[in-house]
Amino acid sequence: MSRYCTGMAAQEFKQRHRYITTLKPSRQSNGTYKVYGQYDISNINTQVFVCKYNARGMFRSVEKD
């Protein structure tokens, strides 16, 4: 899930894969999953985002957090 999230975030936010960092999937109380990530948008600013997956692990969305 983390690698897929990296790819989707790179595409959505027009960043290179190597500049994106993602964490391990986190299972939510309702059975869905989230993968948190970030990338630098400047020398002093970092953009945080979250990829959301359904309970079966199917990708749903990537959103800035």
PDB file of N, CA and C in Angstrom:
ATOM      1  N   MET A   1       0.815  -1.203   0.000  1.00  0.00           N
ATOM      2  CA  MET A   1       0.000   0.000   0.000  1.00  0.00           C
ATOM      3  C   MET A   1       0.856   1.263   0.000  1.00  0.00           C
ATOM      4  N   SER A   2       1.949   1.238   0.744  1.00  0.00           N
ATOM      5  CA  SER A   2       2.795   2.425   0.846  1.00  0.00           C
ATOM      6  C   SER A   2       3.401   2.804  -0.502  1.00  0.00           C
ATOM      7  N   ARG A   3       3.884   1.815  -1.250  1.00  0.00           N
ATOM      8  CA  ARG A   3       4.485   2.108  -2.557  1.00  0.00           C
ATOM      9  C   ARG A   3       3.440   2.627  -3.534  1.00  0.00           C
ATOM     10  N   TYR A   4       2.266   2.049  -3.506  1.00  0.00           N
ATOM     11  CA  TYR A   4       1.192   2.508  -4.384  1.00  0.00           C
ATOM     12  C   TYR A   4       0.809   3.940  -4.020  1.00  0.00           C
ATOM     13  N   CYS A   5       0.750   4.219  -2.736  1.00  0.00           N
ATOM     14  CA  CYS A   5       0.441   5.567  -2.262  1.00  0.00           C
ATOM     15  C   CYS A   5       1.486   6.564  -2.762  1.00  0.00           C
ATOM     16  N   THR A   6       2.747   6.179  -2.702  1.00  0.00           N
ATOM     17  CA  THR A   6       3.818   7.044  -3.196  1.00  0.00           C
ATOM     18  C   THR A   6       3.598   7.384  -4.665  1.00  0.00           C
ATOM     19  N   GLY A   7       3.274   6.379  -5.456  1.00  0.00           N
ATOM     20  CA  GLY A   7       3.036   6.605  -6.877  1.00  0.00           C
ATOM     21  C   GLY A   7       1.844   7.505  -7.150  1.00  0.00           C
ATOM     22  N   MET A   8       0.774   7.272  -6.432  1.00  0.00           N
ATOM     23  CA  MET A   8      -0.428   8.090  -6.620  1.00  0.00           C
ATOM     24  C   MET A   8      -0.192   9.532  -6.169  1.00  0.00           C
ATOM     25  N   ALA A   9       0.541   9.703  -5.074  1.00  0.00           N
ATOM     26  CA  ALA A   9       0.852  11.052  -4.588  1.00  0.00           C
ATOM     27  C   ALA A   9       1.774  11.773  -5.572  1.00  0.00           C
ATOM     28  N   ALA A  10       2.747  11.063  -6.116  1.00  0.00           N
ATOM     29  CA  ALA A  10       3.655  11.663  -7.095  1.00  0.00           C
ATOM     30  C   ALA A  10       2.872  12.177  -8.297  1.00  0.00           C
ATOM     31  N   GLN A  11       1.941  11.388  -8.749  1.00  0.00           N
ATOM     32  CA  GLN A  11       1.109  11.775  -9.890  1.00  0.00           C
ATOM     33  C   GLN A  11       0.188  12.944  -9.536  1.00  0.00           C
ATOM     34  N   GLU A  12      -0.476  12.854  -8.411  1.00  0.00           N
ATOM     35  CA  GLU A  12      -1.447  13.883  -8.005  1.00  0.00           C
ATOM     36  C   GLU A  12      -0.790  15.229  -7.727  1.00  0.00           C
ATOM     37  N   PHE A  13       0.364  15.210  -7.063  1.00  0.00           N
ATOM     38  CA  PHE A  13       1.001  16.449  -6.632  1.00  0.00           C
ATOM     39  C   PHE A  13       2.178  16.855  -7.511  1.00  0.00           C
ATOM     40  N   LYS A  14       2.381  16.131  -8.622  1.00  0.00           N
ATOM     41  CA  LYS A  14       3.441  16.434  -9.592  1.00  0.00           C
ATOM     42  C   LYS A  14       4.818  16.495  -8.931  1.00  0.00           C
ATOM     43  N   GLN A  15       5.137  15.435  -8.203  1.00  0.00           N
ATOM     44  CA  GLN A  15       6.423  15.300  -7.519  1.00  0.00           C
ATOM     45  C   GLN A  15       7.124  14.039  -8.015  1.00  0.00           C
ATOM     46  N   ARG A  16       8.412  13.965  -7.822  1.00  0.00           N
ATOM     47  CA  ARG A  16       9.148  12.742  -8.149  1.00  0.00           C
ATOM     48  C   ARG A  16       9.021  11.774  -6.983  1.00  0.00           C
ATOM     49  N   HIS A  17       8.976  10.491  -7.307  1.00  0.00           N
ATOM     50  CA  HIS A  17       8.835   9.452  -6.276  1.00  0.00           C
ATOM     51  C   HIS A  17       9.882   9.589  -5.175  1.00  0.00           C
ATOM     52  N   ARG A  18      11.104   9.897  -5.556  1.00  0.00           N
ATOM     53  CA  ARG A  18      12.194   9.930  -4.572  1.00  0.00           C
ATOM     54  C   ARG A  18      12.054  11.040  -3.539  1.00  0.00           C
ATOM     55  N   TYR A  19      11.208  12.026  -3.810  1.00  0.00           N
ATOM     56  CA  TYR A  19      11.016  13.124  -2.863  1.00  0.00           C
ATOM     57  C   TYR A  19       9.851  12.882  -1.905  1.00  0.00           C
ATOM     58  N   ILE A  20       9.177  11.756  -2.066  1.00  0.00           N
ATOM     59  CA  ILE A  20       8.005  11.447  -1.251  1.00  0.00           C
ATOM     60  C   ILE A  20       8.340  10.371  -0.228  1.00  0.00           C
ATOM     61  N   THR A  21       7.914  10.593   1.004  1.00  0.00           N
ATOM     62  CA  THR A  21       8.104   9.627   2.083  1.00  0.00           C
ATOM     63  C   THR A  21       6.733   9.180   2.573  1.00  0.00           C
ATOM     64  N   THR A  22       6.554   7.864   2.714  1.00  0.00           N
ATOM     65  CA  THR A  22       5.290   7.345   3.241  1.00  0.00           C
ATOM     66  C   THR A  22       5.569   6.413   4.412  1.00  0.00           C
ATOM     67  N   LEU A  23       4.593   6.305   5.296  1.00  0.00           N
ATOM     68  CA  LEU A  23       4.677   5.408   6.443  1.00  0.00           C
ATOM     69  C   LEU A  23       3.981   4.095   6.123  1.00  0.00           C
ATOM     70  N   LYS A  24       4.033   3.162   7.052  1.00  0.00           N
ATOM     71  CA  LYS A  24       3.338   1.885   6.893  1.00  0.00           C
ATOM     72  C   LYS A  24       1.831   2.111   6.990  1.00  0.00           C
ATOM     73  N   PRO A  25       1.034   1.241   6.369  1.00  0.00           N
ATOM     74  CA  PRO A  25      -0.427   1.377   6.452  1.00  0.00           C
ATOM     75  C   PRO A  25      -0.919   1.307   7.896  1.00  0.00           C
ATOM     76  N   SER A  26      -1.917   2.106   8.183  1.00  0.00           N
ATOM     77  CA  SER A  26      -2.522   2.155   9.510  1.00  0.00           C
ATOM     78  C   SER A  26      -3.976   1.718   9.386  1.00  0.00           C
ATOM     79  N   ARG A  27      -4.344   0.649  10.074  1.00  0.00           N
ATOM     80  CA  ARG A  27      -5.727   0.169  10.017  1.00  0.00           C
ATOM     81  C   ARG A  27      -6.584   1.005  10.964  1.00  0.00           C
ATOM     82  N   GLN A  28      -7.699   1.480  10.458  1.00  0.00           N
ATOM     83  CA  GLN A  28      -8.609   2.313  11.223  1.00  0.00           C
ATOM     84  C   GLN A  28      -9.641   1.446  11.942  1.00  0.00           C
ATOM     85  N   SER A  29     -10.333   2.018  12.909  1.00  0.00           N
ATOM     86  CA  SER A  29     -11.311   1.257  13.697  1.00  0.00           C
ATOM     87  C   SER A  29     -12.474   0.731  12.852  1.00  0.00           C
ATOM     88  N   ASN A  30     -12.746   1.370  11.724  1.00  0.00           N
ATOM     89  CA  ASN A  30     -13.838   0.913  10.857  1.00  0.00           C
ATOM     90  C   ASN A  30     -13.371  -0.110   9.814  1.00  0.00           C
ATOM     91  N   GLY A  31     -12.103  -0.533   9.897  1.00  0.00           N
ATOM     92  CA  GLY A  31     -11.577  -1.555   9.002  1.00  0.00           C
ATOM     93  C   GLY A  31     -10.874  -1.023   7.768  1.00  0.00           C
ATOM     94  N   THR A  32     -10.989   0.274   7.507  1.00  0.00           N
ATOM     95  CA  THR A  32     -10.304   0.858   6.359  1.00  0.00           C
ATOM     96  C   THR A  32      -8.839   1.115   6.716  1.00  0.00           C
ATOM     97  N   TYR A  33      -8.060   1.530   5.724  1.00  0.00           N
ATOM     98  CA  TYR A  33      -6.636   1.786   5.929  1.00  0.00           C
ATOM     99  C   TYR A  33      -6.278   3.194   5.488  1.00  0.00           C
ATOM    100  N   LYS A  34      -5.259   3.743   6.140  1.00  0.00           N
ATOM    101  CA  LYS A  34      -4.695   5.027   5.744  1.00  0.00           C
ATOM    102  C   LYS A  34      -3.180   4.884   5.683  1.00  0.00           C
ATOM    103  N   VAL A  35      -2.591   5.575   4.725  1.00  0.00           N
ATOM    104  CA  VAL A  35      -1.138   5.659   4.620  1.00  0.00           C
ATOM    105  C   VAL A  35      -0.802   7.144   4.630  1.00  0.00           C
ATOM    106  N   TYR A  36      -0.032   7.566   5.618  1.00  0.00           N
ATOM    107  CA  TYR A  36       0.359   8.961   5.734  1.00  0.00           C
ATOM    108  C   TYR A  36       1.693   9.175   5.037  1.00  0.00           C
ATOM    109  N   GLY A  37       1.838  10.353   4.436  1.00  0.00           N
ATOM    110  CA  GLY A  37       3.079  10.659   3.741  1.00  0.00           C
ATOM    111  C   GLY A  37       3.337  12.147   3.715  1.00  0.00           C
ATOM    112  N   GLN A  38       4.502  12.497   3.146  1.00  0.00           N
ATOM    113  CA  GLN A  38       4.874  13.900   3.051  1.00  0.00           C
ATOM    114  C   GLN A  38       5.908  14.105   1.961  1.00  0.00           C
ATOM    115  N   TYR A  39       6.034  15.363   1.529  1.00  0.00           N
ATOM    116  CA  TYR A  39       7.089  15.773   0.611  1.00  0.00           C
ATOM    117  C   TYR A  39       7.393  17.239   0.877  1.00  0.00           C
ATOM    118  N   ASP A  40       8.607  17.657   0.568  1.00  0.00           N
ATOM    119  CA  ASP A  40       9.013  19.040   0.770  1.00  0.00           C
ATOM    120  C   ASP A  40       8.528  19.886  -0.396  1.00  0.00           C
ATOM    121  N   ILE A  41       7.893  21.011  -0.086  1.00  0.00           N
ATOM    122  CA  ILE A  41       7.461  21.926  -1.137  1.00  0.00           C
ATOM    123  C   ILE A  41       8.394  23.132  -1.240  1.00  0.00           C
ATOM    124  N   SER A  42       9.271  23.292  -0.262  1.00  0.00           N
ATOM    125  CA  SER A  42      10.322  24.307  -0.291  1.00  0.00           C
ATOM    126  C   SER A  42      11.344  23.924   0.775  1.00  0.00           C
ATOM    127  N   ASN A  43      12.341  24.755   0.941  1.00  0.00           N
ATOM    128  CA  ASN A  43      13.371  24.470   1.946  1.00  0.00           C
ATOM    129  C   ASN A  43      12.829  24.496   3.367  1.00  0.00           C
ATOM    130  N   ILE A  44      11.706  25.183   3.577  1.00  0.00           N
ATOM    131  CA  ILE A  44      11.185  25.314   4.938  1.00  0.00           C
ATOM    132  C   ILE A  44       9.766  24.778   5.118  1.00  0.00           C
ATOM    133  N   ASN A  45       9.130  24.341   4.033  1.00  0.00           N
ATOM    134  CA  ASN A  45       7.745  23.863   4.125  1.00  0.00           C
ATOM    135  C   ASN A  45       7.613  22.423   3.660  1.00  0.00           C
ATOM    136  N   THR A  46       6.826  21.666   4.393  1.00  0.00           N
ATOM    137  CA  THR A  46       6.547  20.273   4.056  1.00  0.00           C
ATOM    138  C   THR A  46       5.043  20.100   3.884  1.00  0.00           C
ATOM    139  N   GLN A  47       4.652  19.390   2.827  1.00  0.00           N
ATOM    140  CA  GLN A  47       3.239  19.089   2.587  1.00  0.00           C
ATOM    141  C   GLN A  47       2.947  17.678   3.060  1.00  0.00           C
ATOM    142  N   VAL A  48       1.937  17.543   3.910  1.00  0.00           N
ATOM    143  CA  VAL A  48       1.521  16.244   4.436  1.00  0.00           C
ATOM    144  C   VAL A  48       0.289  15.795   3.663  1.00  0.00           C
ATOM    145  N   PHE A  49       0.181  14.495   3.408  1.00  0.00           N
ATOM    146  CA  PHE A  49      -0.977  13.957   2.699  1.00  0.00           C
ATOM    147  C   PHE A  49      -1.347  12.600   3.272  1.00  0.00           C
ATOM    148  N   VAL A  50      -2.511  12.114   2.887  1.00  0.00           N
ATOM    149  CA  VAL A  50      -2.970  10.798   3.337  1.00  0.00           C
ATOM    150  C   VAL A  50      -3.618  10.070   2.162  1.00  0.00           C
ATOM    151  N   CYS A  51      -3.261   8.806   2.000  1.00  0.00           N
ATOM    152  CA  CYS A  51      -3.914   7.929   1.029  1.00  0.00           C
ATOM    153  C   CYS A  51      -4.928   7.091   1.791  1.00  0.00           C
ATOM    154  N   LYS A  52      -6.104   6.951   1.219  1.00  0.00           N
ATOM    155  CA  LYS A  52      -7.164   6.184   1.873  1.00  0.00           C
ATOM    156  C   LYS A  52      -7.490   4.942   1.056  1.00  0.00           C
ATOM    157  N   TYR A  53      -7.694   3.830   1.764  1.00  0.00           N
ATOM    158  CA  TYR A  53      -8.014   2.540   1.162  1.00  0.00           C
ATOM    159  C   TYR A  53      -9.244   1.970   1.852  1.00  0.00           C
ATOM    160  N   ASN A  54     -10.015   1.170   1.133  1.00  0.00           N
ATOM    161  CA  ASN A  54     -11.173   0.537   1.763  1.00  0.00           C
ATOM    162  C   ASN A  54     -10.723  -0.675   2.578  1.00  0.00           C
ATOM    163  N   ALA A  55     -11.656  -1.380   3.171  1.00  0.00           N
ATOM    164  CA  ALA A  55     -11.338  -2.512   4.043  1.00  0.00           C
ATOM    165  C   ALA A  55     -10.676  -3.663   3.291  1.00  0.00           C
ATOM    166  N   ARG A  56     -10.865  -3.715   1.987  1.00  0.00           N
ATOM    167  CA  ARG A  56     -10.232  -4.760   1.171  1.00  0.00           C
ATOM    168  C   ARG A  56      -8.862  -4.353   0.655  1.00  0.00           C
ATOM    169  N   GLY A  57      -8.448  -3.138   0.990  1.00  0.00           N
ATOM    170  CA  GLY A  57      -7.145  -2.648   0.557  1.00  0.00           C
ATOM    171  C   GLY A  57      -7.150  -1.983  -0.803  1.00  0.00           C
ATOM    172  N   MET A  58      -8.332  -1.673  -1.318  1.00  0.00           N
ATOM    173  CA  MET A  58      -8.443  -0.999  -2.616  1.00  0.00           C
ATOM    174  C   MET A  58      -8.276   0.507  -2.419  1.00  0.00           C
ATOM    175  N   PHE A  59      -7.428   1.117  -3.245  1.00  0.00           N
ATOM    176  CA  PHE A  59      -7.171   2.545  -3.178  1.00  0.00           C
ATOM    177  C   PHE A  59      -8.450   3.332  -3.419  1.00  0.00           C
ATOM    178  N   ARG A  60      -8.655   4.372  -2.607  1.00  0.00           N
ATOM    179  CA  ARG A  60      -9.822   5.242  -2.752  1.00  0.00           C
ATOM    180  C   ARG A  60      -9.432   6.675  -3.117  1.00  0.00           C
ATOM    181  N   SER A  61      -8.453   7.253  -2.405  1.00  0.00           N
ATOM    182  CA  SER A  61      -8.102   8.649  -2.685  1.00  0.00           C
ATOM    183  C   SER A  61      -6.771   9.019  -2.052  1.00  0.00           C
ATOM    184  N   VAL A  62      -6.217  10.130  -2.538  1.00  0.00           N
ATOM    185  CA  VAL A  62      -5.059  10.756  -1.907  1.00  0.00           C
ATOM    186  C   VAL A  62      -5.418  12.225  -1.737  1.00  0.00           C
ATOM    187  N   GLU A  63      -5.226  12.737  -0.525  1.00  0.00           N
ATOM    188  CA  GLU A  63      -5.636  14.104  -0.198  1.00  0.00           C
ATOM    189  C   GLU A  63      -4.568  14.792   0.632  1.00  0.00           C
ATOM    190  N   LYS A  64      -4.410  16.094   0.396  1.00  0.00           N
ATOM    191  CA  LYS A  64      -3.534  16.882   1.262  1.00  0.00           C
ATOM    192  C   LYS A  64      -4.161  16.928   2.637  1.00  0.00           C
ATOM    193  N   ASP A  65      -3.325  16.856   3.648  1.00  0.00           N
ATOM    194  CA  ASP A  65      -3.816  16.838   5.028  1.00  0.00           C
ATOM    195  C   ASP A  65      -3.549  18.166   5.701  1.00  0.00           C
TER     196      ASP A  65
END
